[in-house]
Amino acid sequence: MNEHKYILEPYKGMNTRYRCPSCKQRDKTFSQYIDTETGEHIHPIVGRCNRESNCGYHYTPKQYFQDNNISFDIPQPKAYKPRPVILQPKPVSFIPVEVFKASLKAHETNQFIKFLIDLFGVEVASQLVSRYFIATSKHWNGATVFWQIDTQGKVRTGKIMLYNPTTGKRVKEPFNHISWVHKALKQPEFELKQCLFGEHLLIDKTKPVAIVESEKTAVIASVYLPQFIWVAVGSLTNLNAEKCYILMGRTVTLFPDLNGFDKWSSKAKELSRFATFMVSDLLERKATEAEKKQGFDLADYLIKFDYKDFALPEPEATEPAPAVQPLIKISENEQIEQPKREQLENWTNWTPIKRQTESWEQDITQLENYFTGFMLPTKPVKLNKCSTITDCSLFIESHFATVKANNGKRTFLPYLNRLQELKQVLTTNLN
């Protein structure tokens, strides 16, 4: 690539400076890259932040082209010096709305939904079906469709999978039952660009995000730890910039399957220009040797517990919870109702440990130092008369992710308070 073809836009007044997509300061501190031949910007997120403080965001044209699989063709004209020519990607294709709507039926035959009902009961299973638009396919009898719906409400594609209704495991005999809706439709010109499974839920800006490999794990984990928005990338190798740039500026915790921790830790560093990434080593610490050989994922670990044991007492509301849009756009003329966010936790008898609106950095640091040096109990811990912590490690990890993502927001003060309360309980028991 000619290093002079793309340059940071020269300063010509504040109209040539923009809000940084990473730190999002009100001051215009962001310089975008331009094509020197056309004068056009490469993309709104391709540029460098000029903040004096350490934002550090710098997304180059080369990185953008690599992340989005944009290839280059170098012509060889006789009279001119060869220059790279960008081959513009084809327009993205979408699944027709009528195909999507037709799949949202016959749930009684869906073997994965049968497993969810056995695991959580009809009410919770119904909420999951509505929240993630879990659908049914005739491709195989009882098969499930996990739709990929973007933040604009457009359906990119759907993964078709078959599950054992008793074990919840994928059917792999006599062959691995995985296919795609866009392939089943036999559209040779279909231009696929995948997005995160569950991406439509990201319209909620109030929660941190958790990423897992499989769609099944995202669905199940959302019941046990509803303080996160749970999305999936589809496989160990599908964690990439193309899917994750939608997470710009958010706080994200990665929960890799067993044996995927090192790979996703490396990926987290690469993707740090988009968001604040943390990687959970919960399974690496908790799994037995037998479970490691089986390649356990977070869902395998969580379903060993009763999801009701993860319920925690709720405080009286100190301020209205941020609203979640009730609809997602499916097409210009049609809208399909999105389920309201359910209050899965039944909070009672909460006594605040502290009330504050300033930064919680000092409290968070003190708590992290305390728990880092403390040998956590492996048995359940009774937090108060209304709640018992089934797994201390998971409790602490998820609560820290929540308070860091929502530092100073009073709505999320209960998460900080519960960490303080656990510290008090452990210290009292120690003495």
Protein backbone atom coordinates (compact mmCIF):
# COMPACT_ATOMS: atom_id res chain seq x y z
CA MET A 1 0.00 0.00 0.00
CA ASN A 2 1.32 3.45 -0.90
CA GLU A 3 1.87 5.05 2.47
CA HIS A 4 0.94 8.47 1.09
CA LYS A 5 -2.36 7.43 -0.47
CA TYR A 6 -4.16 7.62 2.88
CA ILE A 7 -3.36 10.40 5.34
CA LEU A 8 -4.95 11.99 8.40
CA GLU A 9 -7.19 14.81 7.26
CA PRO A 10 -5.26 18.13 7.54
CA TYR A 11 -6.66 20.60 10.06
CA LYS A 12 -8.85 23.23 8.40
CA GLY A 13 -10.95 24.28 11.35
CA MET A 14 -13.15 22.32 13.73
CA ASN A 15 -15.25 21.02 10.83
CA THR A 16 -12.35 18.66 10.09
CA ARG A 17 -12.25 17.26 13.61
CA TYR A 18 -14.78 14.81 15.01
CA ARG A 19 -15.89 13.08 18.22
CA CYS A 20 -13.69 10.08 19.01
CA PRO A 21 -15.61 6.77 18.63
CA SER A 22 -13.65 5.36 21.58
CA CYS A 23 -13.49 7.96 24.36
CA LYS A 24 -16.52 9.89 22.96
CA GLN A 25 -15.47 13.22 24.44
CA ARG A 26 -17.64 16.18 23.52
CA ASP A 27 -14.59 18.06 22.28
CA LYS A 28 -13.73 17.25 18.69
CA THR A 29 -10.39 15.48 19.06
CA PHE A 30 -10.63 12.84 16.34
CA SER A 31 -8.85 13.05 12.98
CA GLN A 32 -10.17 10.81 10.21
CA TYR A 33 -8.09 9.29 7.42
CA ILE A 34 -8.82 10.46 3.88
CA ASP A 35 -7.99 9.15 0.42
CA THR A 36 -5.62 11.74 -1.05
CA GLU A 37 -6.91 11.05 -4.58
CA THR A 38 -10.60 11.56 -3.84
CA GLY A 39 -10.50 13.55 -0.60
CA GLU A 40 -13.11 11.21 0.86
CA HIS A 41 -13.02 9.67 4.34
CA ILE A 42 -12.30 5.94 4.56
CA HIS A 43 -14.86 5.30 7.33
CA PRO A 44 -16.08 7.32 10.37
CA ILE A 45 -14.13 5.09 12.78
CA VAL A 46 -10.86 5.07 10.79
CA GLY A 47 -8.58 7.69 12.34
CA ARG A 48 -6.68 8.78 15.43
CA CYS A 49 -7.69 10.48 18.68
CA ASN A 50 -5.60 13.55 19.54
CA ARG A 51 -6.57 13.77 23.20
CA GLU A 52 -3.73 14.82 25.46
CA SER A 53 -4.88 12.23 28.02
CA ASN A 54 -4.21 8.61 27.19
CA CYS A 55 -7.10 7.58 24.94
CA GLY A 56 -4.75 5.82 22.54
CA TYR A 57 -7.34 5.09 19.82
CA HIS A 58 -5.72 4.74 16.40
CA TYR A 59 -7.44 2.69 13.69
CA THR A 60 -5.49 2.74 10.43
CA PRO A 61 -6.80 2.21 6.88
CA LYS A 62 -4.72 -0.97 6.61
CA GLN A 63 -6.35 -2.41 9.75
CA TYR A 64 -9.80 -1.44 8.49
CA PHE A 65 -9.26 -3.09 5.11
CA GLN A 66 -7.93 -6.26 6.73
CA ASP A 67 -10.75 -6.43 9.28
CA ASN A 68 -13.40 -6.06 6.59
CA ASN A 69 -11.76 -8.35 4.02
CA ILE A 70 -11.41 -5.58 1.45
CA SER A 71 -8.93 -6.72 -1.19
CA PHE A 72 -6.67 -4.69 -3.42
CA ASP A 73 -6.03 -4.92 -7.14
CA ILE A 74 -2.90 -3.24 -8.53
CA PRO A 75 -3.36 -2.40 -12.23
CA GLN A 76 -0.32 -2.16 -14.51
CA PRO A 77 -0.96 0.69 -16.97
CA LYS A 78 2.00 1.53 -19.16
CA ALA A 79 1.92 5.28 -18.70
CA TYR A 80 1.21 5.42 -14.98
CA LYS A 81 2.82 4.28 -11.76
CA PRO A 82 0.85 1.33 -10.28
CA ARG A 83 -1.54 2.37 -7.54
CA PRO A 84 -3.75 0.17 -5.38
CA VAL A 85 -7.42 0.18 -6.29
CA ILE A 86 -9.95 -0.74 -3.63
CA LEU A 87 -12.47 -3.31 -4.74
CA GLN A 88 -15.65 -2.18 -3.02
CA PRO A 89 -17.51 -4.98 -1.22
CA LYS A 90 -20.87 -6.05 -2.59
CA PRO A 91 -24.02 -4.86 -0.79
CA VAL A 92 -24.93 -7.06 2.16
CA SER A 93 -27.85 -9.46 1.65
CA PHE A 94 -30.63 -10.06 4.16
CA ILE A 95 -33.12 -12.84 4.83
CA PRO A 96 -36.66 -11.96 3.64
CA VAL A 97 -38.99 -10.97 6.46
CA GLU A 98 -41.60 -13.53 5.45
CA VAL A 99 -39.04 -16.35 5.85
CA PHE A 100 -38.10 -15.05 9.29
CA LYS A 101 -41.71 -14.71 10.43
CA ALA A 102 -42.66 -18.18 9.14
CA SER A 103 -39.98 -19.72 11.38
CA LEU A 104 -41.45 -18.29 14.58
CA LYS A 105 -43.99 -21.11 14.82
CA ALA A 106 -44.20 -24.80 15.70
CA HIS A 107 -42.23 -24.29 18.91
CA GLU A 108 -43.77 -27.45 20.33
CA THR A 109 -41.66 -29.50 17.89
CA ASN A 110 -38.41 -27.66 18.59
CA GLN A 111 -36.04 -29.98 20.49
CA PHE A 112 -33.86 -27.18 21.89
CA ILE A 113 -36.93 -25.40 23.26
CA LYS A 114 -38.01 -28.68 24.89
CA PHE A 115 -34.63 -28.74 26.63
CA LEU A 116 -35.09 -25.14 27.83
CA ILE A 117 -38.52 -25.99 29.23
CA ASP A 118 -37.10 -28.94 31.16
CA LEU A 119 -34.29 -26.74 32.46
CA PHE A 120 -36.17 -23.54 33.37
CA GLY A 121 -39.90 -24.18 33.05
CA VAL A 122 -42.36 -22.87 30.49
CA GLU A 123 -42.40 -19.22 31.62
CA VAL A 124 -38.65 -18.61 31.50
CA ALA A 125 -38.26 -20.66 28.33
CA SER A 126 -40.95 -18.54 26.65
CA GLN A 127 -39.09 -15.39 27.63
CA LEU A 128 -35.90 -16.75 26.08
CA VAL A 129 -37.68 -17.71 22.87
CA SER A 130 -39.07 -14.18 22.58
CA ARG A 131 -35.86 -12.40 23.60
CA TYR A 132 -33.61 -14.20 21.13
CA PHE A 133 -36.26 -15.00 18.47
CA ILE A 134 -35.44 -18.70 18.77
CA ALA A 135 -37.08 -20.29 15.73
CA THR A 136 -37.88 -23.69 14.25
CA SER A 137 -36.73 -25.21 10.96
CA LYS A 138 -38.06 -28.05 8.82
CA HIS A 139 -34.52 -28.67 7.53
CA TRP A 140 -34.32 -31.46 10.13
CA ASN A 141 -37.24 -32.58 12.25
CA GLY A 142 -37.15 -30.55 15.48
CA ALA A 143 -34.25 -28.32 14.39
CA THR A 144 -33.58 -24.83 15.79
CA VAL A 145 -32.77 -21.59 13.99
CA PHE A 146 -30.58 -19.02 15.75
CA TRP A 147 -31.20 -15.81 13.81
CA GLN A 148 -28.50 -13.15 13.50
CA ILE A 149 -30.39 -9.85 13.76
CA ASP A 150 -28.36 -6.64 13.64
CA THR A 151 -29.00 -3.42 15.56
CA GLN A 152 -31.08 -2.13 12.65
CA GLY A 153 -33.43 -5.09 13.01
CA LYS A 154 -32.32 -6.67 9.73
CA VAL A 155 -31.85 -10.44 9.57
CA ARG A 156 -28.36 -11.28 8.28
CA THR A 157 -28.78 -15.08 8.33
CA GLY A 158 -29.77 -17.94 10.62
CA LYS A 159 -27.79 -20.92 11.85
CA ILE A 160 -29.77 -24.18 11.72
CA MET A 161 -28.83 -26.73 14.40
CA LEU A 162 -30.30 -29.92 15.85
CA TYR A 163 -30.18 -30.67 19.58
CA ASN A 164 -30.92 -33.65 21.75
CA PRO A 165 -34.01 -32.57 23.77
CA THR A 166 -32.86 -34.49 26.87
CA THR A 167 -29.16 -33.57 27.13
CA GLY A 168 -29.18 -30.25 25.27
CA LYS A 169 -26.15 -31.43 23.27
CA ARG A 170 -25.86 -30.99 19.52
CA VAL A 171 -26.66 -34.02 17.38
CA LYS A 172 -23.41 -35.03 15.65
CA GLU A 173 -24.27 -38.56 14.48
CA PRO A 174 -24.40 -39.83 11.81
CA PHE A 175 -23.19 -36.33 10.81
CA ASN A 176 -22.84 -32.91 12.38
CA HIS A 177 -26.24 -31.24 12.08
CA ILE A 178 -25.31 -27.64 11.28
CA SER A 179 -26.48 -25.63 8.28
CA TRP A 180 -27.47 -22.08 7.31
CA VAL A 181 -30.73 -20.50 6.21
CA HIS A 182 -29.11 -18.58 3.35
CA LYS A 183 -27.81 -21.89 1.98
CA ALA A 184 -31.14 -23.64 2.45
CA LEU A 185 -32.79 -20.85 0.42
CA LYS A 186 -30.38 -21.65 -2.46
CA GLN A 187 -29.59 -18.05 -3.32
CA PRO A 188 -26.22 -18.16 -5.13
CA GLU A 189 -25.88 -14.37 -5.17
CA PHE A 190 -26.45 -14.04 -1.43
CA GLU A 191 -23.76 -11.74 0.03
CA LEU A 192 -23.32 -12.84 3.64
CA LYS A 193 -21.96 -10.55 6.34
CA GLN A 194 -22.50 -12.09 9.74
CA CYS A 195 -23.18 -10.20 12.95
CA LEU A 196 -23.27 -11.24 16.59
CA PHE A 197 -26.03 -13.58 17.66
CA GLY A 198 -28.11 -11.42 20.01
CA GLU A 199 -26.82 -8.18 18.48
CA HIS A 200 -30.36 -6.76 18.41
CA LEU A 201 -30.24 -6.67 22.23
CA LEU A 202 -27.43 -4.10 22.14
CA ILE A 203 -29.98 -1.31 21.81
CA ASP A 204 -29.91 -1.52 25.60
CA LYS A 205 -26.97 0.73 26.52
CA THR A 206 -27.28 0.27 30.30
CA LYS A 207 -25.60 -3.12 30.68
CA PRO A 208 -22.10 -4.50 30.07
CA VAL A 209 -21.78 -7.13 27.37
CA ALA A 210 -20.73 -10.77 27.73
CA ILE A 211 -19.52 -12.79 24.75
CA VAL A 212 -19.48 -16.58 24.48
CA GLU A 213 -18.79 -18.95 21.62
CA SER A 214 -22.13 -20.74 21.13
CA GLU A 215 -25.64 -19.41 20.73
CA LYS A 216 -26.94 -22.01 23.18
CA THR A 217 -24.54 -20.76 25.87
CA ALA A 218 -25.61 -17.13 25.39
CA VAL A 219 -29.28 -18.08 25.80
CA ILE A 220 -28.69 -20.13 28.97
CA ALA A 221 -26.24 -17.72 30.61
CA SER A 222 -28.70 -14.85 30.20
CA VAL A 223 -30.93 -16.52 32.80
CA TYR A 224 -28.21 -17.06 35.38
CA LEU A 225 -26.47 -13.67 34.97
CA PRO A 226 -29.04 -11.20 33.59
CA GLN A 227 -26.92 -8.18 34.51
CA PHE A 228 -25.09 -8.74 31.19
CA ILE A 229 -26.28 -8.60 27.60
CA TRP A 230 -25.30 -12.05 26.33
CA VAL A 231 -24.22 -12.45 22.70
CA ALA A 232 -22.36 -15.18 20.80
CA VAL A 233 -19.84 -15.22 17.96
CA GLY A 234 -20.59 -18.79 16.86
CA SER A 235 -17.18 -20.43 17.36
CA LEU A 236 -13.73 -19.96 18.87
CA THR A 237 -12.32 -18.46 15.65
CA ASN A 238 -15.23 -16.10 14.96
CA LEU A 239 -14.22 -13.47 17.52
CA ASN A 240 -13.07 -10.76 15.13
CA ALA A 241 -13.14 -7.04 14.42
CA GLU A 242 -15.89 -7.30 11.82
CA LYS A 243 -18.34 -8.56 14.45
CA CYS A 244 -17.02 -6.54 17.39
CA TYR A 245 -16.83 -2.98 16.04
CA ILE A 246 -20.53 -2.68 16.98
CA LEU A 247 -19.31 -2.82 20.62
CA MET A 248 -17.45 0.48 20.27
CA GLY A 249 -16.95 2.16 23.65
CA ARG A 250 -18.62 -0.58 25.73
CA THR A 251 -17.32 -2.84 28.50
CA VAL A 252 -17.12 -6.46 27.39
CA THR A 253 -16.30 -9.68 29.25
CA LEU A 254 -15.27 -12.71 27.22
CA PHE A 255 -16.21 -16.18 28.48
CA PRO A 256 -14.28 -18.61 26.25
CA ASP A 257 -14.90 -22.33 26.29
CA LEU A 258 -12.29 -24.46 28.01
CA ASN A 259 -9.00 -24.49 26.11
CA GLY A 260 -9.92 -21.19 24.43
CA PHE A 261 -8.65 -18.82 27.12
CA ASP A 262 -5.22 -18.10 25.59
CA LYS A 263 -6.59 -17.49 22.10
CA TRP A 264 -9.29 -15.11 23.29
CA SER A 265 -6.88 -13.31 25.62
CA SER A 266 -4.74 -12.57 22.59
CA LYS A 267 -7.81 -11.49 20.61
CA ALA A 268 -8.91 -9.19 23.42
CA LYS A 269 -5.69 -7.21 23.02
CA GLU A 270 -6.24 -6.89 19.27
CA LEU A 271 -9.83 -5.71 19.75
CA SER A 272 -9.08 -3.25 22.55
CA ARG A 273 -9.28 -0.35 20.09
CA PHE A 274 -13.04 -0.90 19.98
CA ALA A 275 -13.99 -1.53 23.60
CA THR A 276 -12.76 -2.42 27.08
CA PHE A 277 -12.28 -6.17 27.05
CA MET A 278 -11.85 -8.52 30.00
CA VAL A 279 -11.38 -12.29 29.73
CA SER A 280 -12.87 -14.65 32.29
CA ASP A 281 -10.74 -17.58 33.42
CA LEU A 282 -13.58 -19.00 35.50
CA LEU A 283 -13.72 -22.33 33.65
CA GLU A 284 -9.94 -22.68 33.66
CA ARG A 285 -10.00 -22.40 37.48
CA LYS A 286 -13.15 -24.38 38.21
CA ALA A 287 -13.21 -27.26 35.74
CA THR A 288 -12.08 -30.76 36.62
CA GLU A 289 -9.65 -32.64 34.39
CA ALA A 290 -12.54 -34.66 32.98
CA GLU A 291 -14.48 -31.49 32.17
CA LYS A 292 -11.41 -29.97 30.49
CA LYS A 293 -11.12 -33.02 28.24
CA GLN A 294 -14.79 -32.63 27.31
CA GLY A 295 -14.24 -28.96 26.39
CA PHE A 296 -16.82 -27.59 28.83
CA ASP A 297 -18.37 -24.21 28.10
CA LEU A 298 -20.05 -21.78 30.50
CA ALA A 299 -23.50 -23.31 29.95
CA ASP A 300 -22.21 -26.77 30.92
CA TYR A 301 -20.94 -25.26 34.16
CA LEU A 302 -24.00 -23.13 34.98
CA ILE A 303 -26.66 -25.80 34.48
CA LYS A 304 -25.16 -27.78 37.35
CA PHE A 305 -26.83 -25.16 39.59
CA ASP A 306 -30.44 -24.17 40.10
CA TYR A 307 -30.84 -20.83 38.33
CA LYS A 308 -33.11 -19.63 41.17
CA ASP A 309 -30.10 -19.73 43.51
CA PHE A 310 -28.63 -16.86 41.50
CA ALA A 311 -31.49 -14.51 42.38
CA LEU A 312 -30.45 -11.59 44.60
CA PRO A 313 -32.43 -9.10 46.70
CA GLU A 314 -33.46 -5.94 44.85
CA PRO A 315 -33.26 -2.40 46.22
CA GLU A 316 -36.03 0.13 46.07
CA ALA A 317 -35.61 2.14 42.91
CA THR A 318 -33.57 5.29 43.45
CA GLU A 319 -34.16 6.52 39.93
CA PRO A 320 -36.09 5.30 36.89
CA ALA A 321 -34.38 2.51 35.00
CA PRO A 322 -33.28 3.52 31.49
CA ALA A 323 -35.93 2.67 28.94
CA VAL A 324 -35.43 -0.09 26.40
CA GLN A 325 -36.92 0.38 22.96
CA PRO A 326 -39.95 -1.93 22.70
CA LEU A 327 -39.62 -2.52 18.96
CA ILE A 328 -36.92 -3.50 16.51
CA LYS A 329 -37.14 -2.63 12.87
CA ILE A 330 -37.55 -5.60 10.56
CA SER A 331 -38.28 -3.75 7.35
CA GLU A 332 -39.45 -0.32 6.31
CA ASN A 333 -43.07 -1.42 6.41
CA GLU A 334 -43.14 -4.11 9.10
CA GLN A 335 -42.21 -4.24 12.73
CA ILE A 336 -42.10 -7.27 14.99
CA GLU A 337 -42.57 -6.74 18.67
CA GLN A 338 -39.51 -7.27 20.82
CA PRO A 339 -40.10 -8.64 24.30
CA LYS A 340 -39.83 -6.26 27.23
CA ARG A 341 -36.84 -6.73 29.46
CA GLU A 342 -37.96 -9.11 32.20
CA GLN A 343 -37.10 -8.52 35.83
CA LEU A 344 -35.75 -12.02 36.49
CA GLU A 345 -34.36 -11.15 39.90
CA ASN A 346 -36.71 -11.01 42.90
CA TRP A 347 -35.15 -8.48 45.24
CA THR A 348 -36.37 -7.98 48.83
CA ASN A 349 -35.20 -6.61 52.18
CA TRP A 350 -32.16 -4.77 50.85
CA THR A 351 -30.21 -2.55 53.24
CA PRO A 352 -27.83 -0.14 51.49
CA ILE A 353 -24.27 -0.18 52.77
CA LYS A 354 -23.40 3.18 51.25
CA ARG A 355 -25.05 5.78 49.07
CA GLN A 356 -22.95 7.88 46.79
CA THR A 357 -22.89 9.36 43.33
CA GLU A 358 -19.19 9.99 42.93
CA SER A 359 -16.69 7.66 41.29
CA TRP A 360 -16.37 4.20 42.82
CA GLU A 361 -12.76 3.72 41.72
CA GLN A 362 -11.36 3.71 45.26
CA ASP A 363 -13.98 1.24 46.50
CA ILE A 364 -13.45 -1.03 43.48
CA THR A 365 -9.67 -1.04 43.95
CA GLN A 366 -9.95 -1.84 47.66
CA LEU A 367 -12.40 -4.66 47.00
CA GLU A 368 -10.25 -6.11 44.21
CA ASN A 369 -7.20 -6.09 46.49
CA TYR A 370 -9.21 -7.79 49.23
CA PHE A 371 -10.66 -10.58 47.09
CA THR A 372 -7.38 -11.15 45.21
CA GLY A 373 -5.62 -12.03 48.43
CA PHE A 374 -8.49 -14.00 49.96
CA MET A 375 -8.96 -17.75 49.71
CA LEU A 376 -12.57 -17.91 48.57
CA PRO A 377 -14.82 -20.61 50.01
CA THR A 378 -15.88 -23.39 47.68
CA LYS A 379 -19.17 -23.97 49.49
CA PRO A 380 -22.26 -21.70 49.25
CA VAL A 381 -22.10 -18.51 51.31
CA LYS A 382 -25.19 -17.01 52.94
CA LEU A 383 -25.03 -13.32 52.04
CA ASN A 384 -28.03 -12.31 54.12
CA LYS A 385 -31.30 -13.83 55.28
CA CYS A 386 -32.76 -13.53 51.79
CA SER A 387 -29.96 -14.77 49.57
CA THR A 388 -27.18 -17.33 49.32
CA ILE A 389 -24.24 -17.15 46.92
CA THR A 390 -23.84 -20.48 45.18
CA ASP A 391 -20.51 -19.71 43.51
CA CYS A 392 -18.35 -16.96 45.03
CA SER A 393 -15.92 -16.73 42.11
CA LEU A 394 -18.66 -16.24 39.53
CA PHE A 395 -20.53 -13.84 41.81
CA ILE A 396 -17.46 -11.63 42.33
CA GLU A 397 -16.40 -11.73 38.68
CA SER A 398 -19.79 -10.75 37.29
CA HIS A 399 -20.33 -8.03 39.89
CA PHE A 400 -16.95 -6.41 39.24
CA ALA A 401 -17.69 -6.36 35.50
CA THR A 402 -21.00 -4.64 36.19
CA VAL A 403 -19.70 -1.95 38.57
CA LYS A 404 -16.75 -1.14 36.32
CA ALA A 405 -19.02 -0.72 33.34
CA ASN A 406 -21.45 1.51 35.27
CA ASN A 407 -19.12 3.36 37.64
CA GLY A 408 -21.01 6.00 39.63
CA LYS A 409 -24.49 5.18 38.28
CA ARG A 410 -26.87 4.90 41.24
CA THR A 411 -29.02 2.31 39.47
CA PHE A 412 -26.09 -0.11 39.70
CA LEU A 413 -25.06 0.75 43.27
CA PRO A 414 -26.55 -2.53 44.60
CA TYR A 415 -23.82 -4.47 42.79
CA LEU A 416 -21.14 -2.52 44.65
CA ASN A 417 -23.05 -2.89 47.89
CA ARG A 418 -23.27 -6.66 47.53
CA LEU A 419 -19.52 -6.89 47.04
CA GLN A 420 -19.08 -4.84 50.20
CA GLU A 421 -21.55 -7.07 52.00
CA LEU A 422 -19.74 -10.24 50.89
CA LYS A 423 -16.46 -8.78 52.14
CA GLN A 424 -18.07 -8.17 55.54
CA VAL A 425 -19.46 -11.71 55.66
CA LEU A 426 -16.14 -13.32 54.75
CA THR A 427 -14.21 -11.17 57.20
CA THR A 428 -16.67 -11.98 60.00
CA ASN A 429 -16.48 -15.71 59.27
CA LEU A 430 -12.69 -15.53 59.20
CA ASN A 431 -12.61 -13.97 62.66
